[in-house]
Amino acid sequence: MLIVEFGISHVEGSREAIADEREHWRRIQLRAAVADAPEVAVQELERRGYVVDNSKADRVGSPNRMREA
């Protein structure tokens, strides 16, 4: 982070605001990644011990989504 690496001055609370927005951005990216490759998300969740019921899963999608620009 620029604040740490270069000692950039900042206002109080800016680190917390940056952390909040970083978390928000990562959650958006995670949703997009799961939408693009739900089977990978299921595999990882199951690897971590979660039980995934995909009986109602939306099977409509593009199998090539991960290869699109």
N, C-alpha and C. Protein backbone atom coordinates (compact mmCIF):
# COMPACT_ATOMS: atom_id res chain seq x y z
N MET A 1 0.85 -1.17 0.00
CA MET A 1 0.00 0.00 0.00
C MET A 1 0.90 1.24 0.00
N LEU A 2 0.50 2.23 -0.72
CA LEU A 2 1.32 3.45 -0.86
C LEU A 2 1.59 4.13 0.47
N ILE A 3 0.64 4.09 1.37
CA ILE A 3 0.82 4.73 2.67
C ILE A 3 2.02 4.13 3.39
N VAL A 4 2.12 2.82 3.35
CA VAL A 4 3.21 2.12 4.05
C VAL A 4 4.51 2.19 3.24
N GLU A 5 4.42 1.85 1.95
CA GLU A 5 5.62 1.75 1.13
C GLU A 5 6.34 3.08 0.93
N PHE A 6 5.56 4.15 0.75
CA PHE A 6 6.17 5.43 0.43
C PHE A 6 5.93 6.51 1.49
N GLY A 7 5.30 6.13 2.58
CA GLY A 7 5.07 7.08 3.66
C GLY A 7 4.16 8.24 3.27
N ILE A 8 3.21 7.97 2.39
CA ILE A 8 2.30 9.02 1.94
C ILE A 8 1.41 9.46 3.09
N SER A 9 1.28 10.75 3.23
CA SER A 9 0.44 11.27 4.30
C SER A 9 -1.01 10.92 4.00
N HIS A 10 -1.79 10.76 5.07
CA HIS A 10 -3.17 10.36 4.91
C HIS A 10 -3.99 10.85 6.10
N VAL A 11 -5.27 10.94 5.89
CA VAL A 11 -6.14 11.39 6.97
C VAL A 11 -6.52 10.20 7.85
N GLU A 12 -6.90 10.51 9.06
CA GLU A 12 -7.31 9.47 9.99
C GLU A 12 -8.51 8.72 9.41
N GLY A 13 -8.46 7.41 9.49
CA GLY A 13 -9.55 6.59 8.99
C GLY A 13 -9.38 6.13 7.55
N SER A 14 -8.36 6.64 6.88
CA SER A 14 -8.20 6.27 5.47
C SER A 14 -7.80 4.81 5.30
N ARG A 15 -7.00 4.28 6.20
CA ARG A 15 -6.62 2.87 6.09
C ARG A 15 -7.85 1.97 6.24
N GLU A 16 -8.71 2.31 7.16
CA GLU A 16 -9.94 1.53 7.35
C GLU A 16 -10.84 1.64 6.12
N ALA A 17 -10.94 2.83 5.54
CA ALA A 17 -11.75 3.02 4.34
C ALA A 17 -11.19 2.21 3.18
N ILE A 18 -9.88 2.19 3.04
CA ILE A 18 -9.24 1.41 1.98
C ILE A 18 -9.51 -0.08 2.20
N ALA A 19 -9.38 -0.54 3.43
CA ALA A 19 -9.62 -1.95 3.73
C ALA A 19 -11.08 -2.32 3.45
N ASP A 20 -12.01 -1.45 3.80
CA ASP A 20 -13.43 -1.70 3.54
C ASP A 20 -13.69 -1.83 2.04
N GLU A 21 -13.15 -0.92 1.27
CA GLU A 21 -13.37 -0.94 -0.18
C GLU A 21 -12.66 -2.11 -0.85
N ARG A 22 -11.50 -2.50 -0.31
CA ARG A 22 -10.80 -3.67 -0.84
C ARG A 22 -11.65 -4.92 -0.62
N GLU A 23 -12.22 -5.05 0.57
CA GLU A 23 -13.09 -6.19 0.85
C GLU A 23 -14.30 -6.18 -0.09
N HIS A 24 -14.91 -5.03 -0.27
CA HIS A 24 -16.06 -4.90 -1.17
C HIS A 24 -15.68 -5.34 -2.58
N TRP A 25 -14.55 -4.86 -3.08
CA TRP A 25 -14.07 -5.20 -4.43
C TRP A 25 -13.81 -6.71 -4.56
N ARG A 26 -13.20 -7.30 -3.53
CA ARG A 26 -12.91 -8.73 -3.59
C ARG A 26 -14.18 -9.56 -3.61
N ARG A 27 -15.19 -9.11 -2.88
CA ARG A 27 -16.47 -9.84 -2.90
C ARG A 27 -17.14 -9.75 -4.28
N ILE A 28 -17.04 -8.60 -4.92
CA ILE A 28 -17.56 -8.45 -6.28
C ILE A 28 -16.83 -9.40 -7.22
N GLN A 29 -15.52 -9.43 -7.11
CA GLN A 29 -14.72 -10.29 -7.96
C GLN A 29 -15.01 -11.77 -7.70
N LEU A 30 -15.22 -12.12 -6.45
CA LEU A 30 -15.55 -13.50 -6.11
C LEU A 30 -16.87 -13.92 -6.73
N ARG A 31 -17.87 -13.04 -6.64
CA ARG A 31 -19.16 -13.35 -7.26
C ARG A 31 -19.01 -13.56 -8.77
N ALA A 32 -18.22 -12.72 -9.40
CA ALA A 32 -18.01 -12.86 -10.84
C ALA A 32 -17.29 -14.17 -11.16
N ALA A 33 -16.30 -14.51 -10.37
CA ALA A 33 -15.56 -15.75 -10.60
C ALA A 33 -16.46 -16.97 -10.42
N VAL A 34 -17.31 -16.96 -9.40
CA VAL A 34 -18.23 -18.07 -9.17
C VAL A 34 -19.23 -18.18 -10.31
N ALA A 35 -19.70 -17.04 -10.81
CA ALA A 35 -20.64 -17.05 -11.93
C ALA A 35 -19.97 -17.61 -13.18
N ASP A 36 -18.70 -17.33 -13.36
CA ASP A 36 -17.97 -17.80 -14.54
C ASP A 36 -17.64 -19.29 -14.45
N ALA A 37 -17.36 -19.79 -13.26
CA ALA A 37 -16.94 -21.19 -13.10
C ALA A 37 -17.51 -21.78 -11.82
N PRO A 38 -18.82 -21.98 -11.78
CA PRO A 38 -19.44 -22.48 -10.54
C PRO A 38 -18.92 -23.86 -10.14
N GLU A 39 -18.53 -24.67 -11.12
CA GLU A 39 -18.04 -26.01 -10.78
C GLU A 39 -16.75 -25.94 -9.98
N VAL A 40 -15.93 -24.95 -10.25
CA VAL A 40 -14.69 -24.76 -9.50
C VAL A 40 -15.02 -24.32 -8.07
N ALA A 41 -16.00 -23.44 -7.94
CA ALA A 41 -16.42 -22.99 -6.61
C ALA A 41 -16.95 -24.16 -5.79
N VAL A 42 -17.75 -25.01 -6.41
CA VAL A 42 -18.29 -26.19 -5.72
C VAL A 42 -17.15 -27.10 -5.28
N GLN A 43 -16.21 -27.36 -6.18
CA GLN A 43 -15.08 -28.23 -5.82
C GLN A 43 -14.31 -27.68 -4.62
N GLU A 44 -14.07 -26.39 -4.61
CA GLU A 44 -13.30 -25.80 -3.50
C GLU A 44 -14.09 -25.83 -2.20
N LEU A 45 -15.37 -25.54 -2.28
CA LEU A 45 -16.19 -25.60 -1.06
C LEU A 45 -16.23 -27.02 -0.50
N GLU A 46 -16.40 -28.00 -1.38
CA GLU A 46 -16.43 -29.38 -0.92
C GLU A 46 -15.07 -29.80 -0.37
N ARG A 47 -14.00 -29.32 -0.98
CA ARG A 47 -12.66 -29.62 -0.47
C ARG A 47 -12.49 -29.10 0.96
N ARG A 48 -13.18 -28.02 1.25
CA ARG A 48 -13.09 -27.42 2.58
C ARG A 48 -14.12 -27.97 3.56
N GLY A 49 -14.87 -28.99 3.12
CA GLY A 49 -15.79 -29.66 4.02
C GLY A 49 -17.24 -29.20 3.92
N TYR A 50 -17.55 -28.28 3.03
CA TYR A 50 -18.92 -27.84 2.86
C TYR A 50 -19.68 -28.88 2.04
N VAL A 51 -20.98 -28.96 2.30
CA VAL A 51 -21.86 -29.81 1.51
C VAL A 51 -22.65 -28.89 0.61
N VAL A 52 -22.55 -29.10 -0.69
CA VAL A 52 -23.20 -28.23 -1.66
C VAL A 52 -24.36 -28.98 -2.30
N ASP A 53 -25.55 -28.41 -2.18
CA ASP A 53 -26.74 -28.97 -2.83
C ASP A 53 -26.98 -28.17 -4.09
N ASN A 54 -26.63 -28.74 -5.21
CA ASN A 54 -26.80 -28.02 -6.46
C ASN A 54 -27.98 -28.55 -7.27
N SER A 55 -28.93 -29.20 -6.58
CA SER A 55 -30.08 -29.76 -7.27
C SER A 55 -30.95 -28.68 -7.92
N LYS A 56 -30.89 -27.47 -7.42
CA LYS A 56 -31.66 -26.36 -7.97
C LYS A 56 -30.78 -25.38 -8.73
N ALA A 57 -29.58 -25.79 -9.02
CA ALA A 57 -28.61 -24.90 -9.67
C ALA A 57 -29.05 -24.54 -11.07
N ASP A 58 -28.75 -23.33 -11.44
CA ASP A 58 -29.01 -22.86 -12.80
C ASP A 58 -27.92 -23.44 -13.70
N ARG A 59 -28.31 -24.31 -14.57
CA ARG A 59 -27.34 -24.99 -15.43
C ARG A 59 -27.12 -24.23 -16.75
N VAL A 60 -27.79 -23.10 -16.90
CA VAL A 60 -27.64 -22.32 -18.12
C VAL A 60 -26.40 -21.45 -17.99
N GLY A 61 -25.57 -21.49 -18.98
CA GLY A 61 -24.37 -20.68 -18.94
C GLY A 61 -23.46 -21.04 -20.08
N SER A 62 -22.42 -20.31 -20.22
CA SER A 62 -21.47 -20.54 -21.29
C SER A 62 -20.28 -21.32 -20.77
N PRO A 63 -20.05 -22.52 -21.30
CA PRO A 63 -18.88 -23.29 -20.83
C PRO A 63 -17.57 -22.61 -21.22
N ASN A 64 -17.63 -21.67 -22.15
CA ASN A 64 -16.42 -21.00 -22.59
C ASN A 64 -16.21 -19.65 -21.88
N ARG A 65 -17.01 -19.35 -20.90
CA ARG A 65 -16.95 -18.05 -20.23
C ARG A 65 -15.56 -17.73 -19.70
N MET A 66 -14.86 -18.71 -19.22
CA MET A 66 -13.53 -18.48 -18.65
C MET A 66 -12.51 -18.10 -19.72
N ARG A 67 -12.82 -18.37 -20.98
CA ARG A 67 -11.88 -18.10 -22.06
C ARG A 67 -12.18 -16.79 -22.77
N GLU A 68 -13.33 -16.18 -22.43
CA GLU A 68 -13.71 -14.92 -23.08
C GLU A 68 -12.92 -13.76 -22.51
N ALA A 69 -12.75 -12.75 -23.32
CA ALA A 69 -12.03 -11.54 -22.89
C ALA A 69 -12.93 -10.66 -22.06
